[in-house]
Amino acid sequence: MRLANALANSNSPVMRLYETLIHHVDLDWPYGPADWPAAFVADVMADAAATLDPLLPAGVGVEVRATDTGTALTVGSGGSRVSVSGPSWALACWVVGRPARAAAALAVDGGDLPVLAAQS
């Protein structure tokens, strides 16, 4: 879990880079999540099962599928199951808490895109 390890160490150069990549999206400049480096997106997606589960609303499970890489995972439990698919960068954007910048690129079946809890 490279991303989780980097974020846990606030002095890590990797953490600082990842934080900068995420916050560039917040500035709403022409640079967006589709411009994120593939390695960063891959790290977010590799950690998605562990990081996404505690952020989901209670009773909601998601099936996530990256249309560009074929990455697929099922997270969460409960009676409500939502399927979310799209390019890896858009899924990563949603996972790191920036759904507005990704929503147009995501397809959601079985309900609305789950609103994730704030990451601590």
PDB file of N, CA and C in Angstrom:
ATOM      1  N   MET A   1       0.832  -1.171   0.000  1.00  0.00           N
ATOM      2  CA  MET A   1       0.000   0.000   0.000  1.00  0.00           C
ATOM      3  C   MET A   1       0.885   1.245   0.000  1.00  0.00           C
ATOM      4  N   ARG A   2       1.453   1.530  -1.131  1.00  0.00           N
ATOM      5  CA  ARG A   2       2.395   2.629  -1.254  1.00  0.00           C
ATOM      6  C   ARG A   2       1.761   3.974  -0.927  1.00  0.00           C
ATOM      7  N   LEU A   3       0.577   4.221  -1.446  1.00  0.00           N
ATOM      8  CA  LEU A   3      -0.080   5.500  -1.202  1.00  0.00           C
ATOM      9  C   LEU A   3      -0.367   5.689   0.275  1.00  0.00           C
ATOM     10  N   ALA A   4      -0.947   4.676   0.903  1.00  0.00           N
ATOM     11  CA  ALA A   4      -1.262   4.777   2.330  1.00  0.00           C
ATOM     12  C   ALA A   4       0.007   5.001   3.151  1.00  0.00           C
ATOM     13  N   ASN A   5       1.087   4.322   2.799  1.00  0.00           N
ATOM     14  CA  ASN A   5       2.348   4.501   3.518  1.00  0.00           C
ATOM     15  C   ASN A   5       2.901   5.901   3.313  1.00  0.00           C
ATOM     16  N   ALA A   6       2.818   6.404   2.088  1.00  0.00           N
ATOM     17  CA  ALA A   6       3.315   7.750   1.808  1.00  0.00           C
ATOM     18  C   ALA A   6       2.513   8.792   2.573  1.00  0.00           C
ATOM     19  N   LEU A   7       1.204   8.633   2.601  1.00  0.00           N
ATOM     20  CA  LEU A   7       0.360   9.605   3.283  1.00  0.00           C
ATOM     21  C   LEU A   7       0.514   9.541   4.797  1.00  0.00           C
ATOM     22  N   ALA A   8       0.875   8.387   5.310  1.00  0.00           N
ATOM     23  CA  ALA A   8       1.067   8.239   6.754  1.00  0.00           C
ATOM     24  C   ALA A   8       2.330   8.954   7.222  1.00  0.00           C
ATOM     25  N   ASN A   9       3.290   9.147   6.324  1.00  0.00           N
ATOM     26  CA  ASN A   9       4.540   9.802   6.666  1.00  0.00           C
ATOM     27  C   ASN A   9       4.508  11.213   6.085  1.00  0.00           C
ATOM     28  N   SER A  10       4.130  12.183   6.891  1.00  0.00           N
ATOM     29  CA  SER A  10       3.930  13.543   6.394  1.00  0.00           C
ATOM     30  C   SER A  10       5.215  14.196   5.896  1.00  0.00           C
ATOM     31  N   ASN A  11       6.358  13.618   6.202  1.00  0.00           N
ATOM     32  CA  ASN A  11       7.624  14.176   5.729  1.00  0.00           C
ATOM     33  C   ASN A  11       8.124  13.496   4.471  1.00  0.00           C
ATOM     34  N   SER A  12       7.379  12.547   3.976  1.00  0.00           N
ATOM     35  CA  SER A  12       7.781  11.799   2.795  1.00  0.00           C
ATOM     36  C   SER A  12       7.686  12.670   1.543  1.00  0.00           C
ATOM     37  N   PRO A  13       8.735  12.677   0.704  1.00  0.00           N
ATOM     38  CA  PRO A  13       8.647  13.410  -0.562  1.00  0.00           C
ATOM     39  C   PRO A  13       7.525  12.881  -1.457  1.00  0.00           C
ATOM     40  N   VAL A  14       7.268  11.581  -1.397  1.00  0.00           N
ATOM     41  CA  VAL A  14       6.182  11.003  -2.188  1.00  0.00           C
ATOM     42  C   VAL A  14       4.849  11.554  -1.699  1.00  0.00           C
ATOM     43  N   MET A  15       4.664  11.659  -0.380  1.00  0.00           N
ATOM     44  CA  MET A  15       3.432  12.210   0.171  1.00  0.00           C
ATOM     45  C   MET A  15       3.248  13.647  -0.287  1.00  0.00           C
ATOM     46  N   ARG A  16       4.307  14.420  -0.265  1.00  0.00           N
ATOM     47  CA  ARG A  16       4.212  15.819  -0.695  1.00  0.00           C
ATOM     48  C   ARG A  16       3.835  15.912  -2.178  1.00  0.00           C
ATOM     49  N   LEU A  17       4.413  15.040  -2.998  1.00  0.00           N
ATOM     50  CA  LEU A  17       4.066  15.020  -4.417  1.00  0.00           C
ATOM     51  C   LEU A  17       2.602  14.653  -4.599  1.00  0.00           C
ATOM     52  N   TYR A  18       2.149  13.601  -3.929  1.00  0.00           N
ATOM     53  CA  TYR A  18       0.757  13.161  -4.057  1.00  0.00           C
ATOM     54  C   TYR A  18      -0.203  14.238  -3.577  1.00  0.00           C
ATOM     55  N   GLU A  19       0.136  14.886  -2.482  1.00  0.00           N
ATOM     56  CA  GLU A  19      -0.694  15.961  -1.964  1.00  0.00           C
ATOM     57  C   GLU A  19      -0.783  17.107  -2.979  1.00  0.00           C
ATOM     58  N   THR A  20       0.330  17.437  -3.603  1.00  0.00           N
ATOM     59  CA  THR A  20       0.355  18.495  -4.612  1.00  0.00           C
ATOM     60  C   THR A  20      -0.496  18.119  -5.818  1.00  0.00           C
ATOM     61  N   LEU A  21      -0.394  16.868  -6.268  1.00  0.00           N
ATOM     62  CA  LEU A  21      -1.196  16.418  -7.405  1.00  0.00           C
ATOM     63  C   LEU A  21      -2.687  16.550  -7.113  1.00  0.00           C
ATOM     64  N   ILE A  22      -3.079  16.129  -5.935  1.00  0.00           N
ATOM     65  CA  ILE A  22      -4.493  16.187  -5.561  1.00  0.00           C
ATOM     66  C   ILE A  22      -4.956  17.644  -5.460  1.00  0.00           C
ATOM     67  N   HIS A  23      -4.176  18.487  -4.815  1.00  0.00           N
ATOM     68  CA  HIS A  23      -4.607  19.865  -4.603  1.00  0.00           C
ATOM     69  C   HIS A  23      -4.549  20.720  -5.867  1.00  0.00           C
ATOM     70  N   HIS A  24      -3.756  20.326  -6.849  1.00  0.00           N
ATOM     71  CA  HIS A  24      -3.804  21.024  -8.135  1.00  0.00           C
ATOM     72  C   HIS A  24      -5.206  20.925  -8.733  1.00  0.00           C
ATOM     73  N   VAL A  25      -5.858  19.800  -8.515  1.00  0.00           N
ATOM     74  CA  VAL A  25      -7.220  19.600  -9.017  1.00  0.00           C
ATOM     75  C   VAL A  25      -8.179  20.585  -8.347  1.00  0.00           C
ATOM     76  N   ASP A  26      -7.939  20.881  -7.086  1.00  0.00           N
ATOM     77  CA  ASP A  26      -8.808  21.796  -6.345  1.00  0.00           C
ATOM     78  C   ASP A  26      -8.767  23.223  -6.904  1.00  0.00           C
ATOM     79  N   LEU A  27      -7.702  23.571  -7.584  1.00  0.00           N
ATOM     80  CA  LEU A  27      -7.545  24.933  -8.102  1.00  0.00           C
ATOM     81  C   LEU A  27      -8.409  25.191  -9.334  1.00  0.00           C
ATOM     82  N   ASP A  28      -8.955  24.122  -9.910  1.00  0.00           N
ATOM     83  CA  ASP A  28      -9.810  24.229 -11.089  1.00  0.00           C
ATOM     84  C   ASP A  28      -9.089  24.905 -12.256  1.00  0.00           C
ATOM     85  N   TRP A  29      -7.805  24.644 -12.366  1.00  0.00           N
ATOM     86  CA  TRP A  29      -7.022  25.102 -13.507  1.00  0.00           C
ATOM     87  C   TRP A  29      -7.215  24.099 -14.633  1.00  0.00           C
ATOM     88  N   PRO A  30      -6.659  24.373 -15.796  1.00  0.00           N
ATOM     89  CA  PRO A  30      -6.761  23.394 -16.886  1.00  0.00           C
ATOM     90  C   PRO A  30      -6.150  22.032 -16.522  1.00  0.00           C
ATOM     91  N   TYR A  31      -5.216  22.018 -15.579  1.00  0.00           N
ATOM     92  CA  TYR A  31      -4.656  20.755 -15.100  1.00  0.00           C
ATOM     93  C   TYR A  31      -5.721  20.054 -14.268  1.00  0.00           C
ATOM     94  N   GLY A  32      -6.024  18.823 -14.621  1.00  0.00           N
ATOM     95  CA  GLY A  32      -7.049  18.092 -13.887  1.00  0.00           C
ATOM     96  C   GLY A  32      -6.630  16.667 -13.611  1.00  0.00           C
ATOM     97  N   PRO A  33      -7.522  15.878 -13.055  1.00  0.00           N
ATOM     98  CA  PRO A  33      -7.192  14.502 -12.702  1.00  0.00           C
ATOM     99  C   PRO A  33      -6.824  13.638 -13.916  1.00  0.00           C
ATOM    100  N   ALA A  34      -7.307  13.974 -15.095  1.00  0.00           N
ATOM    101  CA  ALA A  34      -6.923  13.216 -16.291  1.00  0.00           C
ATOM    102  C   ALA A  34      -5.444  13.418 -16.615  1.00  0.00           C
ATOM    103  N   ASP A  35      -4.843  14.450 -16.024  1.00  0.00           N
ATOM    104  CA  ASP A  35      -3.420  14.737 -16.231  1.00  0.00           C
ATOM    105  C   ASP A  35      -2.529  14.087 -15.181  1.00  0.00           C
ATOM    106  N   TRP A  36      -3.125  13.442 -14.173  1.00  0.00           N
ATOM    107  CA  TRP A  36      -2.317  12.805 -13.143  1.00  0.00           C
ATOM    108  C   TRP A  36      -1.412  11.747 -13.754  1.00  0.00           C
ATOM    109  N   PRO A  37      -0.195  11.601 -13.229  1.00  0.00           N
ATOM    110  CA  PRO A  37       0.701  10.553 -13.728  1.00  0.00           C
ATOM    111  C   PRO A  37       0.099   9.157 -13.504  1.00  0.00           C
ATOM    112  N   ALA A  38       0.343   8.282 -14.447  1.00  0.00           N
ATOM    113  CA  ALA A  38      -0.194   6.918 -14.366  1.00  0.00           C
ATOM    114  C   ALA A  38       0.234   6.215 -13.080  1.00  0.00           C
ATOM    115  N   ALA A  39       1.452   6.461 -12.619  1.00  0.00           N
ATOM    116  CA  ALA A  39       1.937   5.803 -11.393  1.00  0.00           C
ATOM    117  C   ALA A  39       1.130   6.235 -10.175  1.00  0.00           C
ATOM    118  N   PHE A  40       0.764   7.507 -10.112  1.00  0.00           N
ATOM    119  CA  PHE A  40      -0.054   7.997  -9.004  1.00  0.00           C
ATOM    120  C   PHE A  40      -1.431   7.360  -9.039  1.00  0.00           C
ATOM    121  N   VAL A  41      -2.054   7.356 -10.211  1.00  0.00           N
ATOM    122  CA  VAL A  41      -3.388   6.760 -10.358  1.00  0.00           C
ATOM    123  C   VAL A  41      -3.332   5.271  -9.999  1.00  0.00           C
ATOM    124  N   ALA A  42      -2.291   4.580 -10.438  1.00  0.00           N
ATOM    125  CA  ALA A  42      -2.143   3.153 -10.123  1.00  0.00           C
ATOM    126  C   ALA A  42      -2.017   2.937  -8.620  1.00  0.00           C
ATOM    127  N   ASP A  43      -1.298   3.819  -7.927  1.00  0.00           N
ATOM    128  CA  ASP A  43      -1.165   3.702  -6.468  1.00  0.00           C
ATOM    129  C   ASP A  43      -2.510   3.910  -5.778  1.00  0.00           C
ATOM    130  N   VAL A  44      -3.258   4.908  -6.211  1.00  0.00           N
ATOM    131  CA  VAL A  44      -4.573   5.151  -5.617  1.00  0.00           C
ATOM    132  C   VAL A  44      -5.468   3.938  -5.824  1.00  0.00           C
ATOM    133  N   MET A  45      -5.470   3.407  -7.050  1.00  0.00           N
ATOM    134  CA  MET A  45      -6.332   2.263  -7.346  1.00  0.00           C
ATOM    135  C   MET A  45      -5.862   1.008  -6.610  1.00  0.00           C
ATOM    136  N   ALA A  46      -4.563   0.834  -6.440  1.00  0.00           N
ATOM    137  CA  ALA A  46      -4.055  -0.337  -5.711  1.00  0.00           C
ATOM    138  C   ALA A  46      -4.489  -0.297  -4.248  1.00  0.00           C
ATOM    139  N   ASP A  47      -4.616   0.891  -3.707  1.00  0.00           N
ATOM    140  CA  ASP A  47      -5.013   1.052  -2.310  1.00  0.00           C
ATOM    141  C   ASP A  47      -6.517   1.242  -2.134  1.00  0.00           C
ATOM    142  N   ALA A  48      -7.258   1.286  -3.235  1.00  0.00           N
ATOM    143  CA  ALA A  48      -8.679   1.626  -3.170  1.00  0.00           C
ATOM    144  C   ALA A  48      -9.489   0.682  -2.293  1.00  0.00           C
ATOM    145  N   ALA A  49      -9.211  -0.604  -2.324  1.00  0.00           N
ATOM    146  CA  ALA A  49      -9.999  -1.544  -1.513  1.00  0.00           C
ATOM    147  C   ALA A  49      -9.884  -1.209  -0.030  1.00  0.00           C
ATOM    148  N   ALA A  50      -8.694  -0.885   0.424  1.00  0.00           N
ATOM    149  CA  ALA A  50      -8.490  -0.579   1.839  1.00  0.00           C
ATOM    150  C   ALA A  50      -8.963   0.823   2.197  1.00  0.00           C
ATOM    151  N   THR A  51      -8.753   1.783   1.309  1.00  0.00           N
ATOM    152  CA  THR A  51      -9.089   3.160   1.637  1.00  0.00           C
ATOM    153  C   THR A  51     -10.559   3.476   1.394  1.00  0.00           C
ATOM    154  N   LEU A  52     -11.183   2.807   0.459  1.00  0.00           N
ATOM    155  CA  LEU A  52     -12.562   3.109   0.092  1.00  0.00           C
ATOM    156  C   LEU A  52     -13.579   2.541   1.075  1.00  0.00           C
ATOM    157  N   ASP A  53     -13.346   1.342   1.560  1.00  0.00           N
ATOM    158  CA  ASP A  53     -14.316   0.661   2.414  1.00  0.00           C
ATOM    159  C   ASP A  53     -14.771   1.503   3.609  1.00  0.00           C
ATOM    160  N   PRO A  54     -13.860   2.059   4.409  1.00  0.00           N
ATOM    161  CA  PRO A  54     -14.335   2.830   5.570  1.00  0.00           C
ATOM    162  C   PRO A  54     -14.973   4.176   5.209  1.00  0.00           C
ATOM    163  N   LEU A  55     -14.848   4.600   3.964  1.00  0.00           N
ATOM    164  CA  LEU A  55     -15.418   5.890   3.550  1.00  0.00           C
ATOM    165  C   LEU A  55     -16.830   5.776   3.002  1.00  0.00           C
ATOM    166  N   LEU A  56     -17.256   4.547   2.687  1.00  0.00           N
ATOM    167  CA  LEU A  56     -18.584   4.340   2.116  1.00  0.00           C
ATOM    168  C   LEU A  56     -19.678   4.564   3.159  1.00  0.00           C
ATOM    169  N   PRO A  57     -20.833   5.038   2.721  1.00  0.00           N
ATOM    170  CA  PRO A  57     -21.955   5.145   3.654  1.00  0.00           C
ATOM    171  C   PRO A  57     -22.333   3.762   4.188  1.00  0.00           C
ATOM    172  N   ALA A  58     -22.870   3.719   5.387  1.00  0.00           N
ATOM    173  CA  ALA A  58     -23.275   2.448   5.996  1.00  0.00           C
ATOM    174  C   ALA A  58     -24.300   1.753   5.103  1.00  0.00           C
ATOM    175  N   GLY A  59     -24.104   0.457   4.931  1.00  0.00           N
ATOM    176  CA  GLY A  59     -25.043  -0.349   4.164  1.00  0.00           C
ATOM    177  C   GLY A  59     -24.889  -0.265   2.662  1.00  0.00           C
ATOM    178  N   VAL A  60     -23.840   0.398   2.191  1.00  0.00           N
ATOM    179  CA  VAL A  60     -23.615   0.536   0.747  1.00  0.00           C
ATOM    180  C   VAL A  60     -22.355  -0.220   0.357  1.00  0.00           C
ATOM    181  N   GLY A  61     -22.470  -0.978  -0.703  1.00  0.00           N
ATOM    182  CA  GLY A  61     -21.314  -1.644  -1.293  1.00  0.00           C
ATOM    183  C   GLY A  61     -21.155  -1.164  -2.724  1.00  0.00           C
ATOM    184  N   VAL A  62     -19.936  -1.182  -3.222  1.00  0.00           N
ATOM    185  CA  VAL A  62     -19.697  -0.763  -4.599  1.00  0.00           C
ATOM    186  C   VAL A  62     -18.884  -1.799  -5.352  1.00  0.00           C
ATOM    187  N   GLU A  63     -19.209  -1.918  -6.604  1.00  0.00           N
ATOM    188  CA  GLU A  63     -18.391  -2.670  -7.540  1.00  0.00           C
ATOM    189  C   GLU A  63     -17.730  -1.628  -8.415  1.00  0.00           C
ATOM    190  N   VAL A  64     -16.409  -1.602  -8.408  1.00  0.00           N
ATOM    191  CA  VAL A  64     -15.641  -0.595  -9.126  1.00  0.00           C
ATOM    192  C   VAL A  64     -14.916  -1.274 -10.285  1.00  0.00           C
ATOM    193  N   ARG A  65     -15.017  -0.667 -11.483  1.00  0.00           N
ATOM    194  CA  ARG A  65     -14.318  -1.232 -12.650  1.00  0.00           C
ATOM    195  C   ARG A  65     -13.706  -0.110 -13.461  1.00  0.00           C
ATOM    196  N   ALA A  66     -12.390  -0.212 -13.647  1.00  0.00           N
ATOM    197  CA  ALA A  66     -11.676   0.755 -14.479  1.00  0.00           C
ATOM    198  C   ALA A  66     -11.773   0.298 -15.935  1.00  0.00           C
ATOM    199  N   THR A  67     -12.350   1.139 -16.761  1.00  0.00           N
ATOM    200  CA  THR A  67     -12.574   0.766 -18.154  1.00  0.00           C
ATOM    201  C   THR A  67     -11.293   0.771 -18.984  1.00  0.00           C
ATOM    202  N   ASP A  68     -10.264   1.455 -18.521  1.00  0.00           N
ATOM    203  CA  ASP A  68      -9.023   1.516 -19.280  1.00  0.00           C
ATOM    204  C   ASP A  68      -8.016   0.443 -18.894  1.00  0.00           C
ATOM    205  N   THR A  69      -8.056  -0.025 -17.657  1.00  0.00           N
ATOM    206  CA  THR A  69      -7.074  -1.015 -17.211  1.00  0.00           C
ATOM    207  C   THR A  69      -7.686  -2.372 -16.894  1.00  0.00           C
ATOM    208  N   GLY A  70      -9.003  -2.411 -16.732  1.00  0.00           N
ATOM    209  CA  GLY A  70      -9.660  -3.663 -16.364  1.00  0.00           C
ATOM    210  C   GLY A  70      -9.638  -3.945 -14.877  1.00  0.00           C
ATOM    211  N   THR A  71      -9.031  -3.065 -14.095  1.00  0.00           N
ATOM    212  CA  THR A  71      -9.016  -3.237 -12.647  1.00  0.00           C
ATOM    213  C   THR A  71     -10.454  -3.300 -12.144  1.00  0.00           C
ATOM    214  N   ALA A  72     -10.736  -4.298 -11.306  1.00  0.00           N
ATOM    215  CA  ALA A  72     -12.077  -4.444 -10.749  1.00  0.00           C
ATOM    216  C   ALA A  72     -11.963  -4.822  -9.283  1.00  0.00           C
ATOM    217  N   LEU A  73     -12.860  -4.274  -8.474  1.00  0.00           N
ATOM    218  CA  LEU A  73     -12.897  -4.643  -7.068  1.00  0.00           C
ATOM    219  C   LEU A  73     -14.296  -4.434  -6.535  1.00  0.00           C
ATOM    220  N   THR A  74     -14.599  -5.176  -5.502  1.00  0.00           N
ATOM    221  CA  THR A  74     -15.877  -5.062  -4.806  1.00  0.00           C
ATOM    222  C   THR A  74     -15.562  -4.668  -3.373  1.00  0.00           C
ATOM    223  N   VAL A  75     -16.216  -3.613  -2.918  1.00  0.00           N
ATOM    224  CA  VAL A  75     -15.927  -3.055  -1.598  1.00  0.00           C
ATOM    225  C   VAL A  75     -17.232  -2.778  -0.874  1.00  0.00           C
ATOM    226  N   GLY A  76     -17.218  -2.968   0.428  1.00  0.00           N
ATOM    227  CA  GLY A  76     -18.369  -2.647   1.251  1.00  0.00           C
ATOM    228  C   GLY A  76     -19.376  -3.771   1.307  1.00  0.00           C
ATOM    229  N   SER A  77     -20.307  -3.603   2.210  1.00  0.00           N
ATOM    230  CA  SER A  77     -21.347  -4.610   2.377  1.00  0.00           C
ATOM    231  C   SER A  77     -22.676  -3.908   2.595  1.00  0.00           C
ATOM    232  N   GLY A  78     -23.703  -4.670   2.569  1.00  0.00           N
ATOM    233  CA  GLY A  78     -25.017  -4.095   2.810  1.00  0.00           C
ATOM    234  C   GLY A  78     -25.956  -4.410   1.676  1.00  0.00           C
ATOM    235  N   GLY A  79     -27.192  -4.018   1.858  1.00  0.00           N
ATOM    236  CA  GLY A  79     -28.226  -4.327   0.892  1.00  0.00           C
ATOM    237  C   GLY A  79     -28.156  -3.506  -0.373  1.00  0.00           C
ATOM    238  N   SER A  80     -27.534  -2.346  -0.313  1.00  0.00           N
ATOM    239  CA  SER A  80     -27.456  -1.476  -1.482  1.00  0.00           C
ATOM    240  C   SER A  80     -26.118  -1.684  -2.188  1.00  0.00           C
ATOM    241  N   ARG A  81     -26.183  -2.040  -3.460  1.00  0.00           N
ATOM    242  CA  ARG A  81     -24.961  -2.258  -4.233  1.00  0.00           C
ATOM    243  C   ARG A  81     -24.999  -1.356  -5.454  1.00  0.00           C
ATOM    244  N   VAL A  82     -23.947  -0.559  -5.621  1.00  0.00           N
ATOM    245  CA  VAL A  82     -23.828   0.378  -6.731  1.00  0.00           C
ATOM    246  C   VAL A  82     -22.611  -0.027  -7.556  1.00  0.00           C
ATOM    247  N   SER A  83     -22.743   0.061  -8.867  1.00  0.00           N
ATOM    248  CA  SER A  83     -21.640  -0.221  -9.775  1.00  0.00           C
ATOM    249  C   SER A  83     -21.112   1.104 -10.311  1.00  0.00           C
ATOM    250  N   VAL A  84     -19.814   1.308 -10.174  1.00  0.00           N
ATOM    251  CA  VAL A  84     -19.169   2.536 -10.643  1.00  0.00           C
ATOM    252  C   VAL A  84     -18.068   2.144 -11.618  1.00  0.00           C
ATOM    253  N   SER A  85     -18.112   2.689 -12.828  1.00  0.00           N
ATOM    254  CA  SER A  85     -17.074   2.382 -13.812  1.00  0.00           C
ATOM    255  C   SER A  85     -16.649   3.645 -14.535  1.00  0.00           C
ATOM    256  N   GLY A  86     -15.435   3.585 -15.055  1.00  0.00           N
ATOM    257  CA  GLY A  86     -14.883   4.714 -15.790  1.00  0.00           C
ATOM    258  C   GLY A  86     -13.388   4.586 -15.877  1.00  0.00           C
ATOM    259  N   PRO A  87     -12.730   5.573 -16.462  1.00  0.00           N
ATOM    260  CA  PRO A  87     -11.270   5.517 -16.551  1.00  0.00           C
ATOM    261  C   PRO A  87     -10.641   5.585 -15.161  1.00  0.00           C
ATOM    262  N   SER A  88      -9.478   5.004 -15.037  1.00  0.00           N
ATOM    263  CA  SER A  88      -8.791   4.938 -13.739  1.00  0.00           C
ATOM    264  C   SER A  88      -8.628   6.301 -13.088  1.00  0.00           C
ATOM    265  N   TRP A  89      -8.266   7.315 -13.864  1.00  0.00           N
ATOM    266  CA  TRP A  89      -8.056   8.639 -13.277  1.00  0.00           C
ATOM    267  C   TRP A  89      -9.341   9.154 -12.627  1.00  0.00           C
ATOM    268  N   ALA A  90     -10.502   8.896 -13.249  1.00  0.00           N
ATOM    269  CA  ALA A  90     -11.770   9.369 -12.698  1.00  0.00           C
ATOM    270  C   ALA A  90     -12.126   8.617 -11.419  1.00  0.00           C
ATOM    271  N   LEU A  91     -11.889   7.312 -11.408  1.00  0.00           N
ATOM    272  CA  LEU A  91     -12.132   6.525 -10.200  1.00  0.00           C
ATOM    273  C   LEU A  91     -11.212   6.991  -9.070  1.00  0.00           C
ATOM    274  N   ALA A  92      -9.939   7.233  -9.401  1.00  0.00           N
ATOM    275  CA  ALA A  92      -8.978   7.708  -8.400  1.00  0.00           C
ATOM    276  C   ALA A  92      -9.413   9.063  -7.851  1.00  0.00           C
ATOM    277  N   CYS A  93      -9.903   9.922  -8.715  1.00  0.00           N
ATOM    278  CA  CYS A  93     -10.370  11.246  -8.304  1.00  0.00           C
ATOM    279  C   CYS A  93     -11.520  11.116  -7.306  1.00  0.00           C
ATOM    280  N   TRP A  94     -12.438  10.224  -7.582  1.00  0.00           N
ATOM    281  CA  TRP A  94     -13.555   9.979  -6.666  1.00  0.00           C
ATOM    282  C   TRP A  94     -13.046   9.429  -5.339  1.00  0.00           C
ATOM    283  N   VAL A  95     -12.127   8.459  -5.396  1.00  0.00           N
ATOM    284  CA  VAL A  95     -11.606   7.819  -4.185  1.00  0.00           C
ATOM    285  C   VAL A  95     -10.891   8.828  -3.286  1.00  0.00           C
ATOM    286  N   VAL A  96     -10.177   9.791  -3.868  1.00  0.00           N
ATOM    287  CA  VAL A  96      -9.465  10.767  -3.035  1.00  0.00           C
ATOM    288  C   VAL A  96     -10.345  11.950  -2.635  1.00  0.00           C
ATOM    289  N   GLY A  97     -11.647  11.854  -2.927  1.00  0.00           N
ATOM    290  CA  GLY A  97     -12.585  12.851  -2.433  1.00  0.00           C
ATOM    291  C   GLY A  97     -12.812  14.049  -3.331  1.00  0.00           C
ATOM    292  N   ARG A  98     -12.605  13.873  -4.634  1.00  0.00           N
ATOM    293  CA  ARG A  98     -12.854  14.958  -5.583  1.00  0.00           C
ATOM    294  C   ARG A  98     -13.884  14.507  -6.628  1.00  0.00           C
ATOM    295  N   PRO A  99     -15.095  14.117  -6.200  1.00  0.00           N
ATOM    296  CA  PRO A  99     -16.064  13.540  -7.128  1.00  0.00           C
ATOM    297  C   PRO A  99     -16.548  14.495  -8.215  1.00  0.00           C
ATOM    298  N   ALA A 100     -16.611  15.781  -7.925  1.00  0.00           N
ATOM    299  CA  ALA A 100     -17.133  16.732  -8.914  1.00  0.00           C
ATOM    300  C   ALA A 100     -16.272  16.758 -10.168  1.00  0.00           C
ATOM    301  N   ARG A 101     -14.963  16.610 -10.027  1.00  0.00           N
ATOM    302  CA  ARG A 101     -14.068  16.645 -11.183  1.00  0.00           C
ATOM    303  C   ARG A 101     -14.103  15.346 -11.967  1.00  0.00           C
ATOM    304  N   ALA A 102     -14.716  14.292 -11.413  1.00  0.00           N
ATOM    305  CA  ALA A 102     -14.732  12.984 -12.057  1.00  0.00           C
ATOM    306  C   ALA A 102     -16.107  12.547 -12.515  1.00  0.00           C
ATOM    307  N   ALA A 103     -17.149  13.133 -11.990  1.00  0.00           N
ATOM    308  CA  ALA A 103     -18.511  12.633 -12.181  1.00  0.00           C
ATOM    309  C   ALA A 103     -18.890  12.455 -13.647  1.00  0.00           C
ATOM    310  N   ALA A 104     -18.509  13.380 -14.508  1.00  0.00           N
ATOM    311  CA  ALA A 104     -18.900  13.294 -15.921  1.00  0.00           C
ATOM    312  C   ALA A 104     -18.262  12.097 -16.624  1.00  0.00           C
ATOM    313  N   ALA A 105     -17.147  11.614 -16.116  1.00  0.00           N
ATOM    314  CA  ALA A 105     -16.447  10.500 -16.743  1.00  0.00           C
ATOM    315  C   ALA A 105     -16.836   9.148 -16.148  1.00  0.00           C
ATOM    316  N   LEU A 106     -17.662   9.146 -15.106  1.00  0.00           N
ATOM    317  CA  LEU A 106     -18.044   7.912 -14.431  1.00  0.00           C
ATOM    318  C   LEU A 106     -19.450   7.478 -14.818  1.00  0.00           C
ATOM    319  N   ALA A 107     -19.626   6.177 -14.957  1.00  0.00           N
ATOM    320  CA  ALA A 107     -20.955   5.597 -15.164  1.00  0.00           C
ATOM    321  C   ALA A 107     -21.354   4.922 -13.857  1.00  0.00           C
ATOM    322  N   VAL A 108     -22.562   5.198 -13.408  1.00  0.00           N
ATOM    323  CA  VAL A 108     -23.042   4.645 -12.142  1.00  0.00           C
ATOM    324  C   VAL A 108     -24.347   3.924 -12.401  1.00  0.00           C
ATOM    325  N   ASP A 109     -24.410   2.652 -11.980  1.00  0.00           N
ATOM    326  CA  ASP A 109     -25.618   1.844 -12.103  1.00  0.00           C
ATOM    327  C   ASP A 109     -26.046   1.385 -10.720  1.00  0.00           C
ATOM    328  N   GLY A 110     -27.350   1.369 -10.494  1.00  0.00           N
ATOM    329  CA  GLY A 110     -27.890   0.872  -9.232  1.00  0.00           C
ATOM    330  C   GLY A 110     -28.066   1.936  -8.181  1.00  0.00           C
ATOM    331  N   GLY A 111     -27.952   3.179  -8.561  1.00  0.00           N
ATOM    332  CA  GLY A 111     -28.118   4.265  -7.606  1.00  0.00           C
ATOM    333  C   GLY A 111     -27.247   5.440  -7.991  1.00  0.00           C
ATOM    334  N   ASP A 112     -27.036   6.315  -7.035  1.00  0.00           N
ATOM    335  CA  ASP A 112     -26.190   7.487  -7.249  1.00  0.00           C
ATOM    336  C   ASP A 112     -24.759   7.171  -6.859  1.00  0.00           C
ATOM    337  N   LEU A 113     -23.833   7.967  -7.349  1.00  0.00           N
ATOM    338  CA  LEU A 113     -22.442   7.837  -6.933  1.00  0.00           C
ATOM    339  C   LEU A 113     -22.388   8.044  -5.427  1.00  0.00           C
ATOM    340  N   PRO A 114     -21.890   7.046  -4.675  1.00  0.00           N
ATOM    341  CA  PRO A 114     -21.863   7.200  -3.221  1.00  0.00           C
ATOM    342  C   PRO A 114     -21.017   8.409  -2.789  1.00  0.00           C
ATOM    343  N   VAL A 115     -21.558   9.141  -1.849  1.00  0.00           N
ATOM    344  CA  VAL A 115     -20.820  10.244  -1.250  1.00  0.00           C
ATOM    345  C   VAL A 115     -19.908   9.642  -0.187  1.00  0.00           C
ATOM    346  N   LEU A 116     -18.614   9.850  -0.351  1.00  0.00           N
ATOM    347  CA  LEU A 116     -17.647   9.265   0.569  1.00  0.00           C
ATOM    348  C   LEU A 116     -17.443  10.175   1.773  1.00  0.00           C
ATOM    349  N   ALA A 117     -17.190   9.568   2.917  1.00  0.00           N
ATOM    350  CA  ALA A 117     -16.884  10.338   4.133  1.00  0.00           C
ATOM    351  C   ALA A 117     -15.561  11.060   3.917  1.00  0.00           C
ATOM    352  N   ALA A 118     -15.373  12.141   4.625  1.00  0.00           N
ATOM    353  CA  ALA A 118     -14.110  12.888   4.547  1.00  0.00           C
ATOM    354  C   ALA A 118     -12.983  12.006   5.049  1.00  0.00           C
ATOM    355  N   GLN A 119     -11.868  12.094   4.359  1.00  0.00           N
ATOM    356  CA  GLN A 119     -10.689  11.322   4.769  1.00  0.00           C
ATOM    357  C   GLN A 119      -9.971  12.090   5.859  1.00  0.00           C
ATOM    358  N   SER A 120      -9.501  11.348   6.831  1.00  0.00           N
ATOM    359  CA  SER A 120      -8.791  12.021   7.927  1.00  0.00           C
ATOM    360  C   SER A 120      -7.306  11.986   7.728  1.00  0.00           C
TER     361      SER A 120
END
